């Protein structure tokens, strides 16, 4: 089977590729070819010589999607996007990458299938940002999508396209509404949600972190390890079980910033917590205020998706996966 990972240089894409390299049978079938594509050069795992190839491409550039699809990959992981804060600040870029890039990909698949029968599985990274206020106590899968950010709007439109192209039989699509992934490794990015990870990651590394919102802010989380598991499970899932509703809200953990900090205190002690500095940022406060806080993810659970149930576990996973299992 030929696997295409678009967005392979991003955090989730990189970890997904590492998982495929470490556990070749994790998708339930043999991977004979692995194409890694991103706007910056993806790393090719040393464990996949002769199987993996890297391509530096911009999916929003006309013709790029056709080039990727010309090799007729069997499974396509579509993770490419610019993050929420950047999409809000750079309106045209957000729509070009997050919406136009997705439409270019879907159209390239349709056109290739019209030339000669072709029916790949497409796994699309969506977001809980597709939901907007007012919210019930827990948001169910059937709750309407009224996003309050450009990023959420772009993801919601792509979800509709995914469902329609699947309905028409152009590909077998499944959209995954990801929780906020925490604790993200590496350096801070332009995501408005980045502080959720920053206030955990930096103190665990002995560095100061800025908290721009009130500790009462509540949000929906899963670890990077769980995120990779979501995509692996989606690749194995019989989408016939989903019916026409091709996007699913994934399981996670609802926690306040204060509960995050208490988990950090339990796992890493007071020394780590003292490195968090409160510095309100009204722009971030306004963006976060429109985000969903809690979900009823029973549909995803019934489909076999799994995530953590405590923030202590999320922090321990970061220590295990990024800090060699030791803190301090």
C-alpha atoms as a PDB file:
ATOM      1  CA  UNK A   1       0.000   0.000   0.000  1.00  0.00           C
ATOM      2  CA  UNK A   2       1.134   3.529  -0.800  1.00  0.00           C
ATOM      3  CA  UNK A   3       0.673   6.064   2.020  1.00  0.00           C
ATOM      4  CA  UNK A   4       0.767   9.844   1.500  1.00  0.00           C
ATOM      5  CA  UNK A   5       1.209  12.112   4.547  1.00  0.00           C
ATOM      6  CA  UNK A   6       0.580  15.780   3.723  1.00  0.00           C
ATOM      7  CA  UNK A   7       1.838  17.967   6.545  1.00  0.00           C
ATOM      8  CA  UNK A   8       4.487  15.405   7.463  1.00  0.00           C
ATOM      9  CA  UNK A   9       6.860  17.998   8.953  1.00  0.00           C
ATOM     10  CA  UNK A  10       4.323  19.187  11.524  1.00  0.00           C
ATOM     11  CA  UNK A  11       4.268  17.854  15.054  1.00  0.00           C
ATOM     12  CA  UNK A  12       1.481  15.308  14.580  1.00  0.00           C
ATOM     13  CA  UNK A  13       2.680  14.385  11.082  1.00  0.00           C
ATOM     14  CA  UNK A  14       6.214  13.771  12.301  1.00  0.00           C
ATOM     15  CA  UNK A  15       5.020  11.596  15.166  1.00  0.00           C
ATOM     16  CA  UNK A  16       2.696   9.683  12.856  1.00  0.00           C
ATOM     17  CA  UNK A  17       5.588   8.935  10.499  1.00  0.00           C
ATOM     18  CA  UNK A  18       7.751   7.859  13.446  1.00  0.00           C
ATOM     19  CA  UNK A  19       4.984   5.476  14.517  1.00  0.00           C
ATOM     20  CA  UNK A  20       4.742   4.003  11.022  1.00  0.00           C
ATOM     21  CA  UNK A  21       8.520   3.531  10.978  1.00  0.00           C
ATOM     22  CA  UNK A  22       8.633   1.923  14.431  1.00  0.00           C
ATOM     23  CA  UNK A  23       5.562  -0.285  13.913  1.00  0.00           C
ATOM     24  CA  UNK A  24       5.200  -1.027  10.170  1.00  0.00           C
ATOM     25  CA  UNK A  25       2.090  -3.145  10.714  1.00  0.00           C
ATOM     26  CA  UNK A  26       0.222  -0.585  12.815  1.00  0.00           C
ATOM     27  CA  UNK A  27      -2.115   0.352   9.937  1.00  0.00           C
ATOM     28  CA  UNK A  28      -3.184  -3.234   9.485  1.00  0.00           C
ATOM     29  CA  UNK A  29      -1.481  -3.634   6.111  1.00  0.00           C
ATOM     30  CA  UNK A  30       2.019  -3.520   4.648  1.00  0.00           C
ATOM     31  CA  UNK A  31       3.370  -0.123   3.598  1.00  0.00           C
ATOM     32  CA  UNK A  32       5.258  -0.508   0.335  1.00  0.00           C
ATOM     33  CA  UNK A  33       5.661   3.208  -0.308  1.00  0.00           C
ATOM     34  CA  UNK A  34       5.475   6.263   1.964  1.00  0.00           C
ATOM     35  CA  UNK A  35       5.410   9.797   0.537  1.00  0.00           C
ATOM     36  CA  UNK A  36       6.011  12.647   2.995  1.00  0.00           C
ATOM     37  CA  UNK A  37       4.968  16.108   1.811  1.00  0.00           C
ATOM     38  CA  UNK A  38       5.115  19.510   3.479  1.00  0.00           C
ATOM     39  CA  UNK A  39       6.005  23.138   2.841  1.00  0.00           C
ATOM     40  CA  UNK A  40       9.268  22.496   4.712  1.00  0.00           C
ATOM     41  CA  UNK A  41      11.348  19.394   4.107  1.00  0.00           C
ATOM     42  CA  UNK A  42      10.032  16.456   6.160  1.00  0.00           C
ATOM     43  CA  UNK A  43      12.500  14.101   7.813  1.00  0.00           C
ATOM     44  CA  UNK A  44      12.692  10.604   6.345  1.00  0.00           C
ATOM     45  CA  UNK A  45      13.082   7.972   9.093  1.00  0.00           C
ATOM     46  CA  UNK A  46      16.253   5.932   8.833  1.00  0.00           C
ATOM     47  CA  UNK A  47      14.146   2.826   9.426  1.00  0.00           C
ATOM     48  CA  UNK A  48      12.429   3.258   6.056  1.00  0.00           C
ATOM     49  CA  UNK A  49      15.198   3.182   3.434  1.00  0.00           C
ATOM     50  CA  UNK A  50      13.877   2.681  -0.068  1.00  0.00           C
ATOM     51  CA  UNK A  51      10.274   3.024   1.158  1.00  0.00           C
ATOM     52  CA  UNK A  52       9.899   6.687   2.140  1.00  0.00           C
ATOM     53  CA  UNK A  53      10.507   9.784   0.053  1.00  0.00           C
ATOM     54  CA  UNK A  54      10.171  13.443   1.029  1.00  0.00           C
ATOM     55  CA  UNK A  55       8.688  16.234  -1.081  1.00  0.00           C
ATOM     56  CA  UNK A  56       8.818  19.957  -0.295  1.00  0.00           C
ATOM     57  CA  UNK A  57       5.567  21.346  -1.701  1.00  0.00           C
ATOM     58  CA  UNK A  58       2.861  23.934  -1.034  1.00  0.00           C
ATOM     59  CA  UNK A  59      -0.532  22.251  -1.333  1.00  0.00           C
ATOM     60  CA  UNK A  60      -2.245  25.580  -2.028  1.00  0.00           C
ATOM     61  CA  UNK A  61      -0.156  26.132  -5.179  1.00  0.00           C
ATOM     62  CA  UNK A  62      -2.101  25.085  -8.304  1.00  0.00           C
ATOM     63  CA  UNK A  63      -0.818  21.809  -9.715  1.00  0.00           C
ATOM     64  CA  UNK A  64       0.786  20.573  -6.490  1.00  0.00           C
ATOM     65  CA  UNK A  65      -2.129  18.326  -5.519  1.00  0.00           C
ATOM     66  CA  UNK A  66      -2.181  16.758  -8.984  1.00  0.00           C
ATOM     67  CA  UNK A  67       1.525  15.960  -8.653  1.00  0.00           C
ATOM     68  CA  UNK A  68       0.946  14.242  -5.302  1.00  0.00           C
ATOM     69  CA  UNK A  69      -2.075  12.298  -6.535  1.00  0.00           C
ATOM     70  CA  UNK A  70      -0.477  11.210  -9.829  1.00  0.00           C
ATOM     71  CA  UNK A  71       1.253   8.404  -7.871  1.00  0.00           C
ATOM     72  CA  UNK A  72      -2.233   7.209  -6.747  1.00  0.00           C
ATOM     73  CA  UNK A  73      -1.647   6.735  -2.999  1.00  0.00           C
ATOM     74  CA  UNK A  74      -4.044   4.314  -1.315  1.00  0.00           C
ATOM     75  CA  UNK A  75      -4.325   6.180   1.998  1.00  0.00           C
ATOM     76  CA  UNK A  76      -3.912   9.950   2.330  1.00  0.00           C
ATOM     77  CA  UNK A  77      -3.397  11.652   5.691  1.00  0.00           C
ATOM     78  CA  UNK A  78      -4.250  15.322   5.137  1.00  0.00           C
ATOM     79  CA  UNK A  79      -2.718  17.206   8.079  1.00  0.00           C
ATOM     80  CA  UNK A  80      -1.526  20.334   6.266  1.00  0.00           C
ATOM     81  CA  UNK A  81      -2.760  23.620   7.767  1.00  0.00           C
ATOM     82  CA  UNK A  82      -1.677  26.889   9.262  1.00  0.00           C
ATOM     83  CA  UNK A  83      -2.638  27.229  12.914  1.00  0.00           C
ATOM     84  CA  UNK A  84      -5.479  29.191  14.462  1.00  0.00           C
ATOM     85  CA  UNK A  85      -3.702  32.394  15.511  1.00  0.00           C
ATOM     86  CA  UNK A  86      -1.903  32.712  12.180  1.00  0.00           C
ATOM     87  CA  UNK A  87      -5.105  32.047  10.223  1.00  0.00           C
ATOM     88  CA  UNK A  88      -6.835  34.807  12.205  1.00  0.00           C
ATOM     89  CA  UNK A  89      -4.038  37.325  11.627  1.00  0.00           C
ATOM     90  CA  UNK A  90      -3.385  36.455   7.967  1.00  0.00           C
ATOM     91  CA  UNK A  91      -6.830  36.108   6.433  1.00  0.00           C
ATOM     92  CA  UNK A  92      -5.832  35.413   2.823  1.00  0.00           C
ATOM     93  CA  UNK A  93      -3.109  32.942   3.782  1.00  0.00           C
ATOM     94  CA  UNK A  94      -5.499  31.066   6.064  1.00  0.00           C
ATOM     95  CA  UNK A  95      -8.036  30.537   3.308  1.00  0.00           C
ATOM     96  CA  UNK A  96      -5.366  29.707   0.741  1.00  0.00           C
ATOM     97  CA  UNK A  97      -3.772  26.990   2.862  1.00  0.00           C
ATOM     98  CA  UNK A  98      -6.598  25.635   4.999  1.00  0.00           C
ATOM     99  CA  UNK A  99      -9.423  25.787   2.455  1.00  0.00           C
ATOM    100  CA  UNK A 100      -8.033  26.133  -1.061  1.00  0.00           C
ATOM    101  CA  UNK A 101      -5.346  23.516  -0.386  1.00  0.00           C
ATOM    102  CA  UNK A 102      -7.975  21.021   0.753  1.00  0.00           C
ATOM    103  CA  UNK A 103     -10.197  21.727  -2.256  1.00  0.00           C
ATOM    104  CA  UNK A 104      -7.199  21.347  -4.597  1.00  0.00           C
ATOM    105  CA  UNK A 105      -6.498  17.939  -3.039  1.00  0.00           C
ATOM    106  CA  UNK A 106     -10.094  16.736  -3.235  1.00  0.00           C
ATOM    107  CA  UNK A 107     -10.411  17.910  -6.837  1.00  0.00           C
ATOM    108  CA  UNK A 108      -7.139  16.240  -7.835  1.00  0.00           C
ATOM    109  CA  UNK A 109      -8.475  12.934  -6.500  1.00  0.00           C
ATOM    110  CA  UNK A 110     -11.771  13.379  -8.352  1.00  0.00           C
ATOM    111  CA  UNK A 111     -10.041  14.184 -11.628  1.00  0.00           C
ATOM    112  CA  UNK A 112      -7.616  11.285 -11.296  1.00  0.00           C
ATOM    113  CA  UNK A 113     -10.546   8.948 -10.647  1.00  0.00           C
ATOM    114  CA  UNK A 114     -12.343  10.231 -13.741  1.00  0.00           C
ATOM    115  CA  UNK A 115      -9.293   9.343 -15.827  1.00  0.00           C
ATOM    116  CA  UNK A 116      -9.063   5.821 -14.419  1.00  0.00           C
ATOM    117  CA  UNK A 117     -10.948   4.304 -11.442  1.00  0.00           C
ATOM    118  CA  UNK A 118      -9.339   5.442  -8.198  1.00  0.00           C
ATOM    119  CA  UNK A 119     -10.865   5.411  -4.707  1.00  0.00           C
ATOM    120  CA  UNK A 120      -8.368   6.262  -1.921  1.00  0.00           C
ATOM    121  CA  UNK A 121      -9.083   6.712   1.760  1.00  0.00           C
ATOM    122  CA  UNK A 122      -8.662  10.341   2.870  1.00  0.00           C
ATOM    123  CA  UNK A 123      -8.179  11.118   6.568  1.00  0.00           C
ATOM    124  CA  UNK A 124      -8.606  14.825   7.235  1.00  0.00           C
ATOM    125  CA  UNK A 125      -7.424  16.698  10.347  1.00  0.00           C
ATOM    126  CA  UNK A 126     -10.278  18.956  11.404  1.00  0.00           C
ATOM    127  CA  UNK A 127     -10.703  20.754  14.723  1.00  0.00           C
ATOM    128  CA  UNK A 128     -13.115  21.453  17.562  1.00  0.00           C
ATOM    129  CA  UNK A 129     -12.753  25.089  16.416  1.00  0.00           C
ATOM    130  CA  UNK A 130     -15.662  24.369  14.035  1.00  0.00           C
ATOM    131  CA  UNK A 131     -17.977  24.922  17.028  1.00  0.00           C
ATOM    132  CA  UNK A 132     -18.968  28.333  18.378  1.00  0.00           C
ATOM    133  CA  UNK A 133     -21.080  29.778  21.154  1.00  0.00           C
ATOM    134  CA  UNK A 134     -23.592  29.416  22.646  1.00  0.00           C
ATOM    135  CA  UNK A 135     -22.636  25.979  23.939  1.00  0.00           C
ATOM    136  CA  UNK A 136     -24.501  23.314  25.903  1.00  0.00           C
ATOM    137  CA  UNK A 137     -22.745  21.839  28.932  1.00  0.00           C
ATOM    138  CA  UNK A 138     -21.430  19.069  26.679  1.00  0.00           C
ATOM    139  CA  UNK A 139     -21.297  19.329  22.904  1.00  0.00           C
ATOM    140  CA  UNK A 140     -22.601  16.277  21.091  1.00  0.00           C
ATOM    141  CA  UNK A 141     -21.617  15.171  17.588  1.00  0.00           C
ATOM    142  CA  UNK A 142     -24.855  16.515  16.121  1.00  0.00           C
ATOM    143  CA  UNK A 143     -24.386  20.035  17.527  1.00  0.00           C
ATOM    144  CA  UNK A 144     -24.367  22.611  14.731  1.00  0.00           C
ATOM    145  CA  UNK A 145     -21.120  24.194  13.569  1.00  0.00           C
ATOM    146  CA  UNK A 146     -21.024  27.986  13.941  1.00  0.00           C
ATOM    147  CA  UNK A 147     -17.302  28.772  14.164  1.00  0.00           C
ATOM    148  CA  UNK A 148     -16.213  32.139  15.538  1.00  0.00           C
ATOM    149  CA  UNK A 149     -12.746  32.175  13.957  1.00  0.00           C
ATOM    150  CA  UNK A 150     -11.461  32.082  10.395  1.00  0.00           C
ATOM    151  CA  UNK A 151      -9.573  28.864  11.202  1.00  0.00           C
ATOM    152  CA  UNK A 152     -12.735  27.183  12.436  1.00  0.00           C
ATOM    153  CA  UNK A 153     -14.654  28.380   9.388  1.00  0.00           C
ATOM    154  CA  UNK A 154     -12.017  26.988   7.033  1.00  0.00           C
ATOM    155  CA  UNK A 155     -12.113  23.615   8.779  1.00  0.00           C
ATOM    156  CA  UNK A 156     -15.930  23.523   8.783  1.00  0.00           C
ATOM    157  CA  UNK A 157     -16.097  24.191   5.030  1.00  0.00           C
ATOM    158  CA  UNK A 158     -13.524  21.475   4.387  1.00  0.00           C
ATOM    159  CA  UNK A 159     -15.613  19.054   6.467  1.00  0.00           C
ATOM    160  CA  UNK A 160     -18.612  19.709   4.194  1.00  0.00           C
ATOM    161  CA  UNK A 161     -16.487  19.182   1.098  1.00  0.00           C
ATOM    162  CA  UNK A 162     -15.108  15.939   2.542  1.00  0.00           C
ATOM    163  CA  UNK A 163     -18.646  14.641   3.137  1.00  0.00           C
ATOM    164  CA  UNK A 164     -19.879  15.642  -0.320  1.00  0.00           C
ATOM    165  CA  UNK A 165     -16.916  14.185  -2.216  1.00  0.00           C
ATOM    166  CA  UNK A 166     -17.355  10.968  -0.190  1.00  0.00           C
ATOM    167  CA  UNK A 167     -21.104  10.913  -0.916  1.00  0.00           C
ATOM    168  CA  UNK A 168     -20.364  11.223  -4.624  1.00  0.00           C
ATOM    169  CA  UNK A 169     -17.954   8.283  -4.436  1.00  0.00           C
ATOM    170  CA  UNK A 170     -14.797  10.200  -5.325  1.00  0.00           C
ATOM    171  CA  UNK A 171     -12.973   8.957  -2.208  1.00  0.00           C
ATOM    172  CA  UNK A 172     -13.577   7.359   1.185  1.00  0.00           C
ATOM    173  CA  UNK A 173     -13.257  10.308   3.562  1.00  0.00           C
ATOM    174  CA  UNK A 174     -13.156  10.598   7.332  1.00  0.00           C
ATOM    175  CA  UNK A 175     -12.683  13.857   9.222  1.00  0.00           C
ATOM    176  CA  UNK A 176     -11.241  13.948  12.724  1.00  0.00           C
ATOM    177  CA  UNK A 177     -12.125  16.902  14.945  1.00  0.00           C
ATOM    178  CA  UNK A 178      -9.003  17.000  17.049  1.00  0.00           C
ATOM    179  CA  UNK A 179      -8.951  18.286  20.622  1.00  0.00           C
ATOM    180  CA  UNK A 180      -6.219  20.766  21.463  1.00  0.00           C
ATOM    181  CA  UNK A 181      -3.066  18.651  21.502  1.00  0.00           C
ATOM    182  CA  UNK A 182      -1.141  19.067  24.727  1.00  0.00           C
ATOM    183  CA  UNK A 183       1.678  18.930  25.705  1.00  0.00           C
ATOM    184  CA  UNK A 184       3.129  19.865  22.305  1.00  0.00           C
ATOM    185  CA  UNK A 185       6.913  19.383  22.104  1.00  0.00           C
ATOM    186  CA  UNK A 186       9.306  21.862  20.537  1.00  0.00           C
ATOM    187  CA  UNK A 187       9.115  25.630  20.396  1.00  0.00           C
ATOM    188  CA  UNK A 188       5.925  27.719  20.734  1.00  0.00           C
ATOM    189  CA  UNK A 189       4.009  28.234  17.476  1.00  0.00           C
ATOM    190  CA  UNK A 190       1.439  30.832  16.393  1.00  0.00           C
ATOM    191  CA  UNK A 191      -1.567  28.844  17.563  1.00  0.00           C
ATOM    192  CA  UNK A 192      -3.809  30.833  19.900  1.00  0.00           C
ATOM    193  CA  UNK A 193      -4.038  27.662  21.974  1.00  0.00           C
ATOM    194  CA  UNK A 194      -0.257  27.394  22.313  1.00  0.00           C
ATOM    195  CA  UNK A 195      -0.210  28.621  25.907  1.00  0.00           C
ATOM    196  CA  UNK A 196      -1.989  25.436  27.058  1.00  0.00           C
ATOM    197  CA  UNK A 197       1.188  23.542  26.170  1.00  0.00           C
ATOM    198  CA  UNK A 198       3.620  26.335  27.006  1.00  0.00           C
ATOM    199  CA  UNK A 199       2.605  26.464  30.679  1.00  0.00           C
ATOM    200  CA  UNK A 200       3.392  22.747  30.950  1.00  0.00           C
ATOM    201  CA  UNK A 201       6.373  22.303  28.588  1.00  0.00           C
ATOM    202  CA  UNK A 202       8.510  25.268  29.606  1.00  0.00           C
ATOM    203  CA  UNK A 203       8.336  24.685  33.396  1.00  0.00           C
ATOM    204  CA  UNK A 204       9.163  21.002  32.843  1.00  0.00           C
ATOM    205  CA  UNK A 205      12.278  22.237  31.005  1.00  0.00           C
ATOM    206  CA  UNK A 206      13.131  24.660  33.815  1.00  0.00           C
ATOM    207  CA  UNK A 207      12.003  27.733  31.851  1.00  0.00           C
ATOM    208  CA  UNK A 208       9.468  30.471  32.525  1.00  0.00           C
ATOM    209  CA  UNK A 209       6.099  30.369  30.755  1.00  0.00           C
ATOM    210  CA  UNK A 210       3.484  33.080  30.245  1.00  0.00           C
ATOM    211  CA  UNK A 211      -0.193  32.435  31.020  1.00  0.00           C
ATOM    212  CA  UNK A 212      -2.333  34.932  29.055  1.00  0.00           C
ATOM    213  CA  UNK A 213      -5.795  33.866  30.321  1.00  0.00           C
ATOM    214  CA  UNK A 214      -7.603  33.269  33.595  1.00  0.00           C
ATOM    215  CA  UNK A 215      -7.157  29.946  35.382  1.00  0.00           C
ATOM    216  CA  UNK A 216     -10.927  29.352  35.097  1.00  0.00           C
ATOM    217  CA  UNK A 217     -10.666  28.892  31.312  1.00  0.00           C
ATOM    218  CA  UNK A 218     -11.780  25.356  30.421  1.00  0.00           C
ATOM    219  CA  UNK A 219     -10.818  23.441  27.291  1.00  0.00           C
ATOM    220  CA  UNK A 220     -10.715  19.985  25.628  1.00  0.00           C
ATOM    221  CA  UNK A 221      -7.363  18.162  25.428  1.00  0.00           C
ATOM    222  CA  UNK A 222      -5.575  15.038  24.220  1.00  0.00           C
ATOM    223  CA  UNK A 223      -1.885  14.146  24.079  1.00  0.00           C
ATOM    224  CA  UNK A 224       0.262  13.898  20.928  1.00  0.00           C
ATOM    225  CA  UNK A 225       0.370  10.145  21.536  1.00  0.00           C
ATOM    226  CA  UNK A 226      -3.438  10.019  21.473  1.00  0.00           C
ATOM    227  CA  UNK A 227      -3.496  12.159  18.303  1.00  0.00           C
ATOM    228  CA  UNK A 228      -1.316   9.649  16.468  1.00  0.00           C
ATOM    229  CA  UNK A 229      -3.573   6.890  17.724  1.00  0.00           C
ATOM    230  CA  UNK A 230      -6.599   8.696  16.281  1.00  0.00           C
ATOM    231  CA  UNK A 231      -5.099   8.724  12.781  1.00  0.00           C
ATOM    232  CA  UNK A 232      -3.913   5.128  12.974  1.00  0.00           C
ATOM    233  CA  UNK A 233      -7.371   4.009  14.088  1.00  0.00           C
ATOM    234  CA  UNK A 234      -9.055   6.047  11.346  1.00  0.00           C
ATOM    235  CA  UNK A 235      -6.907   4.338   8.727  1.00  0.00           C
ATOM    236  CA  UNK A 236      -8.113   0.956   9.972  1.00  0.00           C
ATOM    237  CA  UNK A 237     -11.753   1.961  10.520  1.00  0.00           C
ATOM    238  CA  UNK A 238     -14.572   0.751   8.305  1.00  0.00           C
ATOM    239  CA  UNK A 239     -16.169   4.099   7.440  1.00  0.00           C
ATOM    240  CA  UNK A 240     -19.392   2.305   6.535  1.00  0.00           C
ATOM    241  CA  UNK A 241     -20.092   2.427  10.275  1.00  0.00           C
ATOM    242  CA  UNK A 242     -20.227   6.238  10.086  1.00  0.00           C
ATOM    243  CA  UNK A 243     -22.979   6.630   7.509  1.00  0.00           C
ATOM    244  CA  UNK A 244     -23.159  10.011   5.764  1.00  0.00           C
ATOM    245  CA  UNK A 245     -21.775  11.882   8.784  1.00  0.00           C
ATOM    246  CA  UNK A 246     -18.131  11.622   7.806  1.00  0.00           C
ATOM    247  CA  UNK A 247     -16.571  13.759  10.539  1.00  0.00           C
ATOM    248  CA  UNK A 248     -16.340  12.715  14.174  1.00  0.00           C
ATOM    249  CA  UNK A 249     -15.555  14.711  17.312  1.00  0.00           C
ATOM    250  CA  UNK A 250     -12.749  12.860  19.042  1.00  0.00           C
ATOM    251  CA  UNK A 251     -12.544  11.945  22.727  1.00  0.00           C
ATOM    252  CA  UNK A 252     -10.431  13.949  25.112  1.00  0.00           C
ATOM    253  CA  UNK A 253     -10.250  15.461  28.559  1.00  0.00           C
ATOM    254  CA  UNK A 254     -12.047  18.609  29.730  1.00  0.00           C
ATOM    255  CA  UNK A 255      -9.898  20.612  32.151  1.00  0.00           C
ATOM    256  CA  UNK A 256      -9.477  24.179  33.348  1.00  0.00           C
ATOM    257  CA  UNK A 257      -6.126  25.947  33.255  1.00  0.00           C
ATOM    258  CA  UNK A 258      -6.170  25.763  37.040  1.00  0.00           C
ATOM    259  CA  UNK A 259      -6.634  21.985  36.874  1.00  0.00           C
ATOM    260  CA  UNK A 260      -3.731  21.801  34.435  1.00  0.00           C
ATOM    261  CA  UNK A 261      -1.549  23.667  36.903  1.00  0.00           C
ATOM    262  CA  UNK A 262      -2.614  21.426  39.785  1.00  0.00           C
ATOM    263  CA  UNK A 263      -1.714  18.368  37.685  1.00  0.00           C
ATOM    264  CA  UNK A 264       1.691  19.932  37.006  1.00  0.00           C
ATOM    265  CA  UNK A 265       2.119  20.477  40.738  1.00  0.00           C
ATOM    266  CA  UNK A 266       1.304  16.817  41.465  1.00  0.00           C
ATOM    267  CA  UNK A 267       3.641  15.471  38.806  1.00  0.00           C
ATOM    268  CA  UNK A 268       6.523  17.972  38.897  1.00  0.00           C
ATOM    269  CA  UNK A 269       6.176  19.883  42.156  1.00  0.00           C
ATOM    270  CA  UNK A 270       5.937  23.485  43.254  1.00  0.00           C
ATOM    271  CA  UNK A 271       9.231  24.435  41.600  1.00  0.00           C
ATOM    272  CA  UNK A 272       7.708  23.914  38.152  1.00  0.00           C
ATOM    273  CA  UNK A 273       4.490  25.759  38.997  1.00  0.00           C
ATOM    274  CA  UNK A 274       6.409  28.854  40.186  1.00  0.00           C
ATOM    275  CA  UNK A 275       7.769  29.283  36.651  1.00  0.00           C
ATOM    276  CA  UNK A 276       4.299  30.226  35.324  1.00  0.00           C
ATOM    277  CA  UNK A 277       3.904  34.010  35.021  1.00  0.00           C
ATOM    278  CA  UNK A 278       0.442  35.591  34.643  1.00  0.00           C
ATOM    279  CA  UNK A 279       0.325  38.167  31.845  1.00  0.00           C
ATOM    280  CA  UNK A 280      -3.194  38.721  30.398  1.00  0.00           C
ATOM    281  CA  UNK A 281      -3.457  39.101  26.617  1.00  0.00           C
ATOM    282  CA  UNK A 282      -6.851  40.443  25.545  1.00  0.00           C
ATOM    283  CA  UNK A 283      -6.504  39.165  21.974  1.00  0.00           C
ATOM    284  CA  UNK A 284      -5.943  35.603  23.213  1.00  0.00           C
ATOM    285  CA  UNK A 285      -8.651  36.008  25.849  1.00  0.00           C
ATOM    286  CA  UNK A 286     -11.218  36.982  23.194  1.00  0.00           C
ATOM    287  CA  UNK A 287     -10.279  34.114  20.855  1.00  0.00           C
ATOM    288  CA  UNK A 288     -10.326  31.496  23.608  1.00  0.00           C
ATOM    289  CA  UNK A 289     -13.626  32.803  24.981  1.00  0.00           C
ATOM    290  CA  UNK A 290     -15.375  31.560  21.840  1.00  0.00           C
ATOM    291  CA  UNK A 291     -13.939  28.043  21.994  1.00  0.00           C
ATOM    292  CA  UNK A 292     -15.812  24.921  23.146  1.00  0.00           C
ATOM    293  CA  UNK A 293     -15.023  23.522  26.573  1.00  0.00           C
ATOM    294  CA  UNK A 294     -16.484  20.047  26.924  1.00  0.00           C
ATOM    295  CA  UNK A 295     -17.821  17.284  24.691  1.00  0.00           C
ATOM    296  CA  UNK A 296     -19.944  14.183  24.679  1.00  0.00           C
ATOM    297  CA  UNK A 297     -17.713  12.015  22.481  1.00  0.00           C
ATOM    298  CA  UNK A 298     -19.723   8.789  22.763  1.00  0.00           C
ATOM    299  CA  UNK A 299     -19.927   8.365  18.976  1.00  0.00           C
ATOM    300  CA  UNK A 300     -16.125   8.404  18.664  1.00  0.00           C
ATOM    301  CA  UNK A 301     -15.792   6.073  21.638  1.00  0.00           C
ATOM    302  CA  UNK A 302     -18.318   3.693  20.072  1.00  0.00           C
ATOM    303  CA  UNK A 303     -16.171   3.756  16.911  1.00  0.00           C
ATOM    304  CA  UNK A 304     -13.136   2.726  18.966  1.00  0.00           C
ATOM    305  CA  UNK A 305     -11.225   6.022  19.345  1.00  0.00           C
ATOM    306  CA  UNK A 306      -9.441   6.448  22.691  1.00  0.00           C
ATOM    307  CA  UNK A 307      -7.747   9.255  24.643  1.00  0.00           C
ATOM    308  CA  UNK A 308      -6.448  10.046  28.128  1.00  0.00           C
ATOM    309  CA  UNK A 309      -8.784  10.523  31.096  1.00  0.00           C
ATOM    310  CA  UNK A 310      -6.511  12.575  33.401  1.00  0.00           C
ATOM    311  CA  UNK A 311      -4.199  15.534  32.868  1.00  0.00           C
ATOM    312  CA  UNK A 312      -1.602  13.864  35.058  1.00  0.00           C
ATOM    313  CA  UNK A 313      -1.368  11.169  32.369  1.00  0.00           C
ATOM    314  CA  UNK A 314      -0.955  13.793  29.640  1.00  0.00           C
ATOM    315  CA  UNK A 315       1.977  15.343  31.520  1.00  0.00           C
ATOM    316  CA  UNK A 316       3.560  11.946  32.190  1.00  0.00           C
ATOM    317  CA  UNK A 317       3.295  11.076  28.488  1.00  0.00           C
ATOM    318  CA  UNK A 318       5.210  14.262  27.662  1.00  0.00           C
ATOM    319  CA  UNK A 319       7.907  13.326  30.174  1.00  0.00           C
ATOM    320  CA  UNK A 320       8.128   9.797  28.770  1.00  0.00           C
ATOM    321  CA  UNK A 321       8.117  10.770  25.089  1.00  0.00           C
ATOM    322  CA  UNK A 322      10.085  14.036  25.137  1.00  0.00           C
ATOM    323  CA  UNK A 323      12.206  14.066  28.317  1.00  0.00           C
ATOM    324  CA  UNK A 324      13.454  10.502  28.327  1.00  0.00           C
ATOM    325  CA  UNK A 325      11.057   9.503  31.075  1.00  0.00           C
ATOM    326  CA  UNK A 326      12.758  11.658  33.712  1.00  0.00           C
ATOM    327  CA  UNK A 327      11.906  14.918  35.473  1.00  0.00           C
ATOM    328  CA  UNK A 328      13.786  16.905  36.528  1.00  0.00           C
END
